[in-house]
Amino acid sequence: MLQLKKATSIVGTICLICQAFLTINPAAANSGTHERAIGEAYRDWVEATNAKDIEKWASFLAPDAIFLPPNNPALHNEVKIREFYIRLFTDERFRLDCRQNHVEISQSEDLAWSIGYCSATFTGQNGEEAHDKSKWAKVWKRLPSGEWKCIVNSWSSALVR
């Protein structure tokens, strides 16, 4: 009976500490919610990519997004970003298999960054199926509506040009 009281007391103390921490640091309570929202947005974005749905795909962009594709100039507006992806989407073989490995939310909860890896399949210069692997980093911006949108996207390429 004494051990049960001790265990109950320890669990109660842990609950009080957690509650106090979340009261003192409400961002910690929301961090998991934001991480999940960004994870879902990223998953849906990759699905829109593989469906080659440019309208749905573009819905994940912040209004002032900048993309930094490898071996290409920076894309500083939605028109140029769309043009780049429309070219990719015309390739019937184009497909991504991507993983987001880490998300970190800023203390202000209006910016976040994430990193991950992708494998791409596409039609190569010789007309045959080609593959590339990349690592990427994204910066996410939380809009006043609460939605997370990608404001900066940069990735590497294992292919040598």
Protein backbone atom coordinates (compact mmCIF):
# COMPACT_ATOMS: atom_id res chain seq x y z
CA MET A 1 0.00 0.00 0.00
CA LEU A 2 2.88 2.32 0.83
CA GLN A 3 4.40 1.76 -2.64
CA LEU A 4 1.05 2.52 -4.31
CA LYS A 5 0.81 5.82 -2.39
CA LYS A 6 4.41 6.64 -3.38
CA ALA A 7 3.71 5.85 -7.06
CA THR A 8 0.52 7.93 -7.00
CA SER A 9 2.43 10.79 -5.40
CA ILE A 10 5.18 10.62 -8.03
CA VAL A 11 2.65 10.56 -10.90
CA GLY A 12 0.81 13.49 -9.33
CA THR A 13 4.04 15.45 -8.99
CA ILE A 14 4.98 14.76 -12.62
CA CYS A 15 1.53 15.94 -13.74
CA LEU A 16 1.88 19.14 -11.74
CA ILE A 17 5.34 19.81 -13.19
CA CYS A 18 4.05 19.25 -16.75
CA GLN A 19 1.07 21.49 -16.13
CA ALA A 20 3.31 24.20 -14.65
CA PHE A 21 5.69 23.96 -17.62
CA LEU A 22 2.87 24.31 -20.13
CA THR A 23 1.44 27.25 -18.18
CA ILE A 24 4.82 28.99 -18.07
CA ASN A 25 5.73 28.07 -21.65
CA PRO A 26 2.54 27.87 -23.74
CA ALA A 27 4.65 27.67 -26.93
CA ALA A 28 5.72 24.18 -25.82
CA ALA A 29 2.06 23.14 -25.77
CA ASN A 30 1.50 24.45 -29.30
CA SER A 31 4.80 23.23 -30.75
CA GLY A 32 3.50 19.70 -31.29
CA THR A 33 0.35 21.05 -32.92
CA HIS A 34 2.39 23.21 -35.30
CA GLU A 35 4.78 20.34 -36.08
CA ARG A 36 1.84 18.10 -36.94
CA ALA A 37 0.27 20.82 -39.12
CA ILE A 38 3.53 21.30 -41.05
CA GLY A 39 3.94 17.52 -41.34
CA GLU A 40 0.44 17.19 -42.79
CA ALA A 41 0.97 20.16 -45.12
CA TYR A 42 4.23 18.67 -46.38
CA ARG A 43 2.67 15.23 -46.93
CA ASP A 44 -0.23 16.80 -48.83
CA TRP A 45 2.18 18.94 -50.85
CA VAL A 46 4.14 15.88 -51.99
CA GLU A 47 0.84 14.15 -52.87
CA ALA A 48 -0.16 17.19 -54.97
CA THR A 49 3.27 17.04 -56.63
CA ASN A 50 2.84 13.39 -57.56
CA ALA A 51 -0.71 14.07 -58.77
CA LYS A 52 0.80 16.93 -60.84
CA ASP A 53 -1.96 19.20 -59.57
CA ILE A 54 -0.35 22.63 -59.97
CA GLU A 55 -3.23 24.52 -58.32
CA LYS A 56 -3.23 22.36 -55.19
CA TRP A 57 0.58 22.31 -55.24
CA ALA A 58 0.76 26.13 -55.39
CA SER A 59 -1.67 26.43 -52.47
CA PHE A 60 1.22 25.48 -50.13
CA LEU A 61 3.29 28.53 -51.15
CA ALA A 62 3.51 31.68 -49.05
CA PRO A 63 2.67 34.77 -51.12
CA ASP A 64 6.32 35.92 -51.01
CA ALA A 65 7.93 32.49 -51.52
CA ILE A 66 11.47 32.06 -52.84
CA PHE A 67 12.74 28.76 -54.26
CA LEU A 68 16.42 27.94 -54.67
CA PRO A 69 16.64 24.94 -57.03
CA PRO A 70 20.07 23.42 -57.70
CA ASN A 71 21.81 24.47 -60.91
CA ASN A 72 19.14 27.10 -61.61
CA PRO A 73 18.60 30.75 -60.79
CA ALA A 74 16.60 31.65 -57.69
CA LEU A 75 12.85 31.81 -58.27
CA HIS A 76 11.59 34.98 -56.60
CA ASN A 77 7.86 34.92 -57.25
CA GLU A 78 4.96 32.53 -57.65
CA VAL A 79 4.86 32.93 -61.45
CA LYS A 80 8.47 31.76 -61.86
CA ILE A 81 8.00 28.99 -59.26
CA ARG A 82 4.87 27.74 -61.06
CA GLU A 83 6.64 27.82 -64.46
CA PHE A 84 9.49 25.72 -63.04
CA TYR A 85 7.08 23.11 -61.65
CA ILE A 86 4.76 23.07 -64.67
CA ARG A 87 7.81 21.99 -66.71
CA LEU A 88 8.47 19.19 -64.20
CA PHE A 89 4.80 18.17 -64.19
CA THR A 90 4.77 17.71 -67.99
CA ASP A 91 7.21 14.79 -67.54
CA GLU A 92 5.06 11.66 -67.27
CA ARG A 93 7.78 9.91 -65.26
CA PHE A 94 8.24 12.72 -62.73
CA ARG A 95 7.57 11.47 -59.21
CA LEU A 96 8.91 12.23 -55.73
CA ASP A 97 9.38 9.99 -52.72
CA CYS A 98 10.11 12.39 -49.85
CA ARG A 99 10.50 12.34 -46.10
CA GLN A 100 10.45 15.23 -43.68
CA ASN A 101 12.78 14.30 -40.82
CA HIS A 102 12.73 17.32 -38.51
CA VAL A 103 10.58 20.37 -37.87
CA GLU A 104 11.45 23.17 -35.49
CA ILE A 105 9.07 25.97 -34.55
CA SER A 106 10.31 29.46 -33.64
CA GLN A 107 9.55 30.79 -30.18
CA SER A 108 7.26 33.39 -31.76
CA GLU A 109 5.38 30.51 -33.49
CA ASP A 110 5.19 32.38 -36.79
CA LEU A 111 8.18 30.74 -38.51
CA ALA A 112 9.50 27.20 -38.65
CA TRP A 113 12.12 25.25 -40.53
CA SER A 114 12.19 21.66 -41.65
CA ILE A 115 14.66 19.30 -43.27
CA GLY A 116 14.34 16.05 -45.15
CA TYR A 117 15.31 13.91 -48.11
CA CYS A 118 13.81 13.15 -51.52
CA SER A 119 14.26 10.65 -54.29
CA ALA A 120 13.07 11.85 -57.69
CA THR A 121 12.24 9.87 -60.80
CA PHE A 122 12.05 11.67 -64.16
CA THR A 123 12.94 11.40 -67.83
CA GLY A 124 16.68 11.95 -68.34
CA GLN A 125 18.39 13.73 -71.22
CA ASN A 126 18.68 10.45 -73.16
CA GLY A 127 14.91 9.85 -72.86
CA GLU A 128 15.36 7.02 -70.35
CA GLU A 129 14.14 6.93 -66.78
CA ALA A 130 16.55 8.78 -64.47
CA HIS A 131 16.84 9.21 -60.71
CA ASP A 132 18.20 11.81 -58.34
CA LYS A 133 18.54 12.06 -54.58
CA SER A 134 18.47 15.30 -52.65
CA LYS A 135 18.39 16.77 -49.20
CA TRP A 136 16.33 19.85 -48.59
CA ALA A 137 15.56 22.63 -46.13
CA LYS A 138 12.37 24.65 -46.01
CA VAL A 139 11.28 27.70 -44.06
CA TRP A 140 7.60 27.84 -43.19
CA LYS A 141 5.58 30.95 -42.37
CA ARG A 142 2.37 30.87 -40.35
CA LEU A 143 -0.20 33.16 -41.93
CA PRO A 144 -2.75 35.13 -39.86
CA SER A 145 -5.28 32.41 -40.78
CA GLY A 146 -3.09 29.92 -38.88
CA GLU A 147 -2.09 28.01 -42.02
CA TRP A 148 1.57 27.13 -42.54
CA LYS A 149 2.95 27.98 -46.00
CA CYS A 150 6.42 27.48 -47.47
CA ILE A 151 8.30 30.76 -47.81
CA VAL A 152 11.80 29.38 -48.66
CA ASN A 153 12.60 26.06 -50.34
CA SER A 154 16.14 24.97 -51.13
CA TRP A 155 17.42 21.57 -52.13
CA SER A 156 20.51 19.82 -53.43
CA SER A 157 21.05 17.39 -56.27
CA ALA A 158 23.31 14.36 -56.39
CA LEU A 159 23.54 14.73 -60.17
CA VAL A 160 26.67 16.40 -61.51
CA ARG A 161 26.13 18.91 -64.29
